[in-house]
N, C-alpha and C. Protein backbone atom coordinates (compact mmCIF):
# COMPACT_ATOMS: atom_id res chain seq x y z
N MET A 1 -17.99 2.46 -3.74
CA MET A 1 -17.53 1.09 -3.76
C MET A 1 -16.50 0.85 -2.64
N ARG A 2 -15.69 1.85 -2.32
CA ARG A 2 -14.64 1.67 -1.33
C ARG A 2 -15.20 1.55 0.09
N ALA A 3 -16.27 2.25 0.40
CA ALA A 3 -16.82 2.24 1.76
C ALA A 3 -17.21 0.84 2.23
N PRO A 4 -17.95 0.02 1.45
CA PRO A 4 -18.28 -1.33 1.91
C PRO A 4 -17.04 -2.18 2.17
N LEU A 5 -16.01 -2.01 1.37
CA LEU A 5 -14.76 -2.75 1.57
C LEU A 5 -14.18 -2.43 2.94
N LEU A 6 -14.16 -1.15 3.30
CA LEU A 6 -13.56 -0.73 4.57
C LEU A 6 -14.44 -1.05 5.77
N GLU A 7 -15.68 -1.47 5.54
CA GLU A 7 -16.52 -1.92 6.65
C GLU A 7 -16.08 -3.29 7.14
N THR A 8 -15.47 -4.07 6.26
CA THR A 8 -15.05 -5.44 6.58
C THR A 8 -13.54 -5.57 6.74
N TRP A 9 -12.79 -4.78 5.98
CA TRP A 9 -11.33 -4.90 5.92
C TRP A 9 -10.68 -3.61 6.36
N ARG A 10 -9.42 -3.71 6.82
CA ARG A 10 -8.66 -2.53 7.27
C ARG A 10 -7.49 -2.32 6.32
N ASP A 11 -7.22 -1.09 5.98
CA ASP A 11 -6.10 -0.73 5.11
C ASP A 11 -4.81 -0.80 5.92
N ALA A 12 -3.91 -1.72 5.56
CA ALA A 12 -2.67 -1.93 6.31
C ALA A 12 -1.80 -0.67 6.35
N TRP A 13 -1.75 0.08 5.24
CA TRP A 13 -0.95 1.31 5.22
C TRP A 13 -1.44 2.29 6.28
N THR A 14 -2.74 2.50 6.33
CA THR A 14 -3.32 3.44 7.29
C THR A 14 -3.06 2.99 8.73
N LEU A 15 -3.06 1.69 8.97
CA LEU A 15 -2.76 1.19 10.31
C LEU A 15 -1.31 1.49 10.70
N ALA A 16 -0.39 1.33 9.76
CA ALA A 16 1.03 1.53 10.04
C ALA A 16 1.45 3.00 9.96
N HIS A 17 0.73 3.80 9.18
CA HIS A 17 1.09 5.21 8.94
C HIS A 17 -0.15 6.10 9.08
N PRO A 18 -0.72 6.20 10.27
CA PRO A 18 -1.95 7.01 10.43
C PRO A 18 -1.74 8.45 9.99
N GLY A 19 -2.66 8.94 9.17
CA GLY A 19 -2.61 10.33 8.73
C GLY A 19 -1.62 10.62 7.62
N VAL A 20 -0.90 9.60 7.14
CA VAL A 20 0.10 9.80 6.09
C VAL A 20 -0.46 9.25 4.77
N PRO A 21 -0.45 10.05 3.70
CA PRO A 21 -0.94 9.54 2.42
C PRO A 21 -0.13 8.34 1.94
N HIS A 22 -0.78 7.48 1.19
CA HIS A 22 -0.10 6.31 0.61
C HIS A 22 1.06 6.77 -0.29
N SER A 23 2.17 6.07 -0.21
CA SER A 23 3.29 6.34 -1.13
C SER A 23 2.92 5.87 -2.52
N PRO A 24 3.48 6.49 -3.56
CA PRO A 24 3.21 6.04 -4.93
C PRO A 24 3.64 4.59 -5.14
N SER A 25 2.85 3.85 -5.88
CA SER A 25 3.16 2.46 -6.17
C SER A 25 3.03 2.13 -7.66
N PHE A 26 2.71 3.14 -8.47
CA PHE A 26 2.50 2.91 -9.90
C PHE A 26 3.16 4.03 -10.69
N HIS A 27 3.84 3.68 -11.75
CA HIS A 27 4.56 4.62 -12.63
C HIS A 27 5.68 5.37 -11.90
N VAL A 28 6.30 4.71 -10.93
CA VAL A 28 7.40 5.33 -10.17
C VAL A 28 8.62 5.52 -11.05
N HIS A 29 8.89 4.57 -11.95
CA HIS A 29 10.08 4.63 -12.82
C HIS A 29 9.72 4.91 -14.27
N ASP A 30 8.49 5.29 -14.55
CA ASP A 30 8.04 5.51 -15.92
C ASP A 30 7.68 6.96 -16.20
N ALA A 31 8.44 7.89 -15.68
CA ALA A 31 8.13 9.31 -15.84
C ALA A 31 8.08 9.73 -17.30
N ALA A 32 8.82 9.06 -18.15
CA ALA A 32 8.86 9.41 -19.57
C ALA A 32 7.50 9.25 -20.24
N GLU A 33 6.64 8.42 -19.68
CA GLU A 33 5.32 8.20 -20.26
C GLU A 33 4.36 9.33 -19.95
N GLY A 34 4.76 10.28 -19.11
CA GLY A 34 3.94 11.44 -18.81
C GLY A 34 2.87 11.21 -17.77
N VAL A 35 2.92 10.10 -17.07
CA VAL A 35 1.95 9.83 -16.01
C VAL A 35 2.63 10.02 -14.67
N ALA A 36 2.09 10.88 -13.85
CA ALA A 36 2.66 11.12 -12.52
C ALA A 36 2.46 9.87 -11.65
N PRO A 37 3.46 9.51 -10.84
CA PRO A 37 3.31 8.35 -9.95
C PRO A 37 2.13 8.55 -8.99
N TYR A 38 1.44 7.46 -8.72
CA TYR A 38 0.34 7.49 -7.75
C TYR A 38 0.17 6.11 -7.14
N CYS A 39 -0.62 6.00 -6.10
CA CYS A 39 -0.84 4.73 -5.42
C CYS A 39 -2.11 4.07 -5.93
N CYS A 40 -1.98 2.82 -6.36
CA CYS A 40 -3.15 2.03 -6.73
C CYS A 40 -2.99 0.57 -6.27
N ASP A 41 -2.03 0.34 -5.38
CA ASP A 41 -1.79 -1.00 -4.85
C ASP A 41 -1.96 -0.97 -3.33
N PHE A 42 -2.85 -1.78 -2.84
CA PHE A 42 -3.23 -1.75 -1.43
C PHE A 42 -3.18 -3.15 -0.84
N VAL A 43 -3.02 -3.23 0.46
CA VAL A 43 -3.14 -4.49 1.19
C VAL A 43 -4.19 -4.26 2.27
N PHE A 44 -5.21 -5.09 2.26
CA PHE A 44 -6.25 -5.01 3.27
C PHE A 44 -6.15 -6.22 4.18
N VAL A 45 -6.40 -6.02 5.46
CA VAL A 45 -6.32 -7.10 6.45
C VAL A 45 -7.62 -7.18 7.24
N SER A 46 -7.87 -8.35 7.78
CA SER A 46 -9.05 -8.53 8.63
C SER A 46 -8.82 -7.86 9.98
N ASP A 47 -9.88 -7.69 10.74
CA ASP A 47 -9.75 -7.13 12.08
C ASP A 47 -8.82 -7.98 12.95
N ASP A 48 -8.85 -9.29 12.74
CA ASP A 48 -7.99 -10.19 13.52
C ASP A 48 -6.51 -9.92 13.27
N LEU A 49 -6.15 -9.55 12.05
CA LEU A 49 -4.74 -9.28 11.70
C LEU A 49 -4.34 -7.83 11.93
N ALA A 50 -5.28 -6.93 12.03
CA ALA A 50 -4.98 -5.49 12.11
C ALA A 50 -4.01 -5.16 13.23
N ALA A 51 -4.19 -5.74 14.39
CA ALA A 51 -3.31 -5.44 15.53
C ALA A 51 -1.91 -6.00 15.34
N ARG A 52 -1.74 -6.92 14.40
CA ARG A 52 -0.43 -7.54 14.17
C ARG A 52 0.39 -6.85 13.07
N VAL A 53 -0.17 -5.84 12.40
CA VAL A 53 0.57 -5.12 11.36
C VAL A 53 1.72 -4.37 12.02
N ALA A 54 2.95 -4.76 11.68
CA ALA A 54 4.14 -4.12 12.27
C ALA A 54 4.67 -3.01 11.39
N SER A 55 4.67 -3.22 10.07
CA SER A 55 5.16 -2.19 9.15
C SER A 55 4.61 -2.44 7.75
N VAL A 56 4.54 -1.36 6.99
CA VAL A 56 4.13 -1.43 5.58
C VAL A 56 5.03 -0.47 4.83
N ARG A 57 5.57 -0.94 3.71
CA ARG A 57 6.42 -0.06 2.89
C ARG A 57 6.25 -0.41 1.43
N ILE A 58 6.57 0.56 0.60
CA ILE A 58 6.61 0.37 -0.85
C ILE A 58 8.07 0.17 -1.24
N ASP A 59 8.35 -0.90 -1.97
CA ASP A 59 9.71 -1.14 -2.48
C ASP A 59 9.87 -0.30 -3.75
N ALA A 60 10.37 0.92 -3.57
CA ALA A 60 10.49 1.85 -4.70
C ALA A 60 11.71 1.57 -5.57
N ALA A 61 12.61 0.70 -5.13
CA ALA A 61 13.85 0.47 -5.87
C ALA A 61 13.68 -0.46 -7.07
N THR A 62 12.83 -1.46 -6.94
CA THR A 62 12.72 -2.44 -8.02
C THR A 62 12.10 -1.83 -9.27
N GLN A 63 12.57 -2.30 -10.42
CA GLN A 63 12.02 -1.85 -11.70
C GLN A 63 11.48 -3.03 -12.49
N ALA A 64 11.09 -4.10 -11.80
CA ALA A 64 10.62 -5.31 -12.45
C ALA A 64 9.23 -5.16 -13.05
N SER A 65 8.51 -4.12 -12.67
CA SER A 65 7.14 -3.91 -13.14
C SER A 65 6.83 -2.42 -13.11
N ASP A 66 5.70 -2.06 -13.69
CA ASP A 66 5.25 -0.67 -13.57
C ASP A 66 4.57 -0.43 -12.22
N HIS A 67 4.34 -1.50 -11.46
CA HIS A 67 3.84 -1.41 -10.09
C HIS A 67 4.97 -1.75 -9.13
N GLN A 68 4.98 -1.08 -7.98
CA GLN A 68 5.98 -1.36 -6.95
C GLN A 68 5.38 -2.34 -5.94
N PRO A 69 6.19 -3.26 -5.42
CA PRO A 69 5.68 -4.19 -4.40
C PRO A 69 5.30 -3.45 -3.11
N VAL A 70 4.24 -3.92 -2.50
CA VAL A 70 3.84 -3.45 -1.18
C VAL A 70 4.27 -4.54 -0.20
N VAL A 71 5.11 -4.19 0.76
CA VAL A 71 5.65 -5.17 1.71
C VAL A 71 5.01 -4.92 3.07
N VAL A 72 4.36 -5.94 3.61
CA VAL A 72 3.72 -5.85 4.91
C VAL A 72 4.39 -6.85 5.84
N GLU A 73 4.79 -6.39 7.02
CA GLU A 73 5.35 -7.27 8.04
C GLU A 73 4.38 -7.33 9.21
N PHE A 74 4.21 -8.55 9.73
CA PHE A 74 3.30 -8.78 10.85
C PHE A 74 4.08 -9.19 12.10
N ARG A 75 3.57 -8.79 13.24
CA ARG A 75 4.11 -9.25 14.51
C ARG A 75 3.65 -10.68 14.74
N GLY A 76 4.53 -11.49 15.36
CA GLY A 76 4.22 -12.89 15.62
C GLY A 76 3.14 -13.04 16.61
């Protein structure tokens, strides 16, 4: 299922961090539940936007949800 998605869209994290695994974005602050943190939150961009991806980061500080925000910044 993932391959057809990547034929049309580009993973913003991979563009900003080539060769680096995605940072955890789920269960970062819920260790007591026994689930190890992992990444399940992604941002995909079109080919037109891919060259404008300036940075991508996970906001690991917030505890507003069991998911961490993915922040993408684009060049003007």
